[in-house]
Amino acid sequence: MRKRCTLRGLARWLTWGLIGAALYDQLRRPPQERTWTGRIGPIPYDFRPPSLERMRASFWNPEDARLFTPMPWGIGWSVNLAVLGEQLRPALERLRTRVRRAAPRG
């Protein structure tokens, strides 16, 4: 019986393909021109060792309005949790108000 192609398997192959393309992009350059950062199409990559500063700028940066920021290491994007929190705050306040109103008073 043949295995069916699953979405997870497709994502895995796509990820390995992007990693291969990014490495090919860097390794075809002379060593002095390799930055280990760039883009494969619209997808960013960064293979430099991660630093605390880059991790903070990617995962918690209230000064950056983008919700999705380039990963501090690897391929793709990360979520800027500071922006996500600001966007969710009004919805959470409305939910909290509804819960308070609906709670039985005793």
Protein backbone atom coordinates (compact mmCIF):
# COMPACT_ATOMS: atom_id res chain seq x y z
CA MET A 1 0.00 0.00 0.00
CA ARG A 2 1.37 3.41 -0.97
CA LYS A 3 1.69 6.17 1.56
CA ARG A 4 -0.42 9.18 0.82
CA CYS A 5 1.29 12.53 0.54
CA THR A 6 0.37 14.47 3.63
CA LEU A 7 0.54 18.17 4.25
CA ARG A 8 3.18 17.55 6.92
CA GLY A 9 5.32 15.59 4.47
CA LEU A 10 4.96 18.29 1.84
CA ALA A 11 5.95 20.96 4.37
CA ARG A 12 8.99 18.90 5.37
CA TRP A 13 10.14 18.57 1.74
CA LEU A 14 9.54 22.27 1.13
CA THR A 15 11.58 23.17 4.22
CA TRP A 16 14.50 20.96 3.17
CA GLY A 17 14.31 22.41 -0.34
CA LEU A 18 14.50 25.97 1.01
CA ILE A 19 17.43 25.07 3.28
CA GLY A 20 19.23 23.51 0.32
CA ALA A 21 18.55 26.53 -1.88
CA ALA A 22 19.78 28.92 0.83
CA LEU A 23 22.96 26.92 1.38
CA TYR A 24 23.55 26.70 -2.38
CA ASP A 25 23.07 30.48 -2.62
CA GLN A 26 25.76 31.04 0.02
CA LEU A 27 28.23 28.32 -0.96
CA ARG A 28 28.40 29.36 -4.61
CA ARG A 29 29.81 32.74 -3.50
CA PRO A 30 33.48 33.33 -2.71
CA PRO A 31 34.09 32.85 1.05
CA GLN A 32 34.66 36.57 1.68
CA GLU A 33 31.23 37.40 0.17
CA ARG A 34 29.19 34.92 2.22
CA THR A 35 26.83 36.66 4.63
CA TRP A 36 24.72 33.59 5.59
CA THR A 37 21.64 35.81 5.41
CA GLY A 38 19.32 36.53 2.51
CA ARG A 39 16.07 35.55 0.84
CA ILE A 40 14.92 32.67 -1.31
CA GLY A 41 12.10 34.38 -3.17
CA PRO A 42 10.08 36.14 -0.47
CA ILE A 43 11.27 33.85 2.34
CA PRO A 44 14.07 35.18 4.59
CA TYR A 45 16.87 33.05 5.99
CA ASP A 46 19.65 33.67 8.51
CA PHE A 47 22.22 30.99 9.32
CA ARG A 48 24.46 33.15 11.53
CA PRO A 49 24.66 32.02 15.16
CA PRO A 50 21.72 33.65 16.97
CA SER A 51 22.38 36.51 19.36
CA LEU A 52 20.21 37.70 22.22
CA GLU A 53 19.82 41.07 20.50
CA ARG A 54 18.54 39.52 17.25
CA MET A 55 16.23 37.16 19.15
CA ARG A 56 14.73 40.06 21.09
CA ALA A 57 14.32 42.13 17.91
CA SER A 58 12.51 39.21 16.30
CA PHE A 59 10.29 37.95 19.13
CA TRP A 60 9.71 41.08 21.26
CA ASN A 61 10.07 44.45 19.55
CA PRO A 62 7.32 46.98 20.35
CA GLU A 63 9.07 49.55 18.12
CA ASP A 64 8.59 47.36 15.01
CA ALA A 65 5.00 47.44 13.72
CA ARG A 66 5.35 44.13 11.82
CA LEU A 67 3.58 41.10 13.30
CA PHE A 68 5.80 38.67 11.37
CA THR A 69 9.54 39.33 11.47
CA PRO A 70 12.44 37.31 10.01
CA MET A 71 13.63 34.46 12.23
CA PRO A 72 16.80 35.20 14.22
CA TRP A 73 18.13 31.82 13.03
CA GLY A 74 16.83 29.56 10.29
CA ILE A 75 14.27 30.03 7.55
CA GLY A 76 10.98 31.89 7.65
CA TRP A 77 9.32 34.26 10.06
CA SER A 78 8.68 34.55 13.77
CA VAL A 79 5.84 36.31 15.59
CA ASN A 80 6.55 39.67 17.22
CA LEU A 81 4.79 38.99 20.52
CA ALA A 82 4.79 42.67 21.54
CA VAL A 83 2.70 43.58 18.49
CA LEU A 84 0.47 40.52 18.93
CA GLY A 85 -0.21 41.55 22.53
CA GLU A 86 -1.14 45.08 21.47
CA GLN A 87 -3.49 43.75 18.80
CA LEU A 88 -5.15 41.29 21.19
CA ARG A 89 -5.52 43.70 24.13
CA PRO A 90 -8.84 45.31 22.99
CA ALA A 91 -10.41 41.91 22.28
CA LEU A 92 -9.30 40.57 25.66
CA GLU A 93 -10.71 43.63 27.43
CA ARG A 94 -14.08 43.14 25.70
CA LEU A 95 -14.07 39.47 26.66
CA ARG A 96 -13.21 40.31 30.27
CA THR A 97 -16.10 42.81 30.39
CA ARG A 98 -18.56 40.22 29.03
CA VAL A 99 -17.43 37.62 31.54
CA ARG A 100 -17.86 40.06 34.42
CA ARG A 101 -21.38 40.95 33.27
CA ALA A 102 -22.35 37.30 32.81
CA ALA A 103 -20.95 36.15 36.15
CA PRO A 104 -23.65 35.45 38.74
CA ARG A 105 -23.69 37.89 41.61
CA GLY A 106 -24.11 36.44 44.96
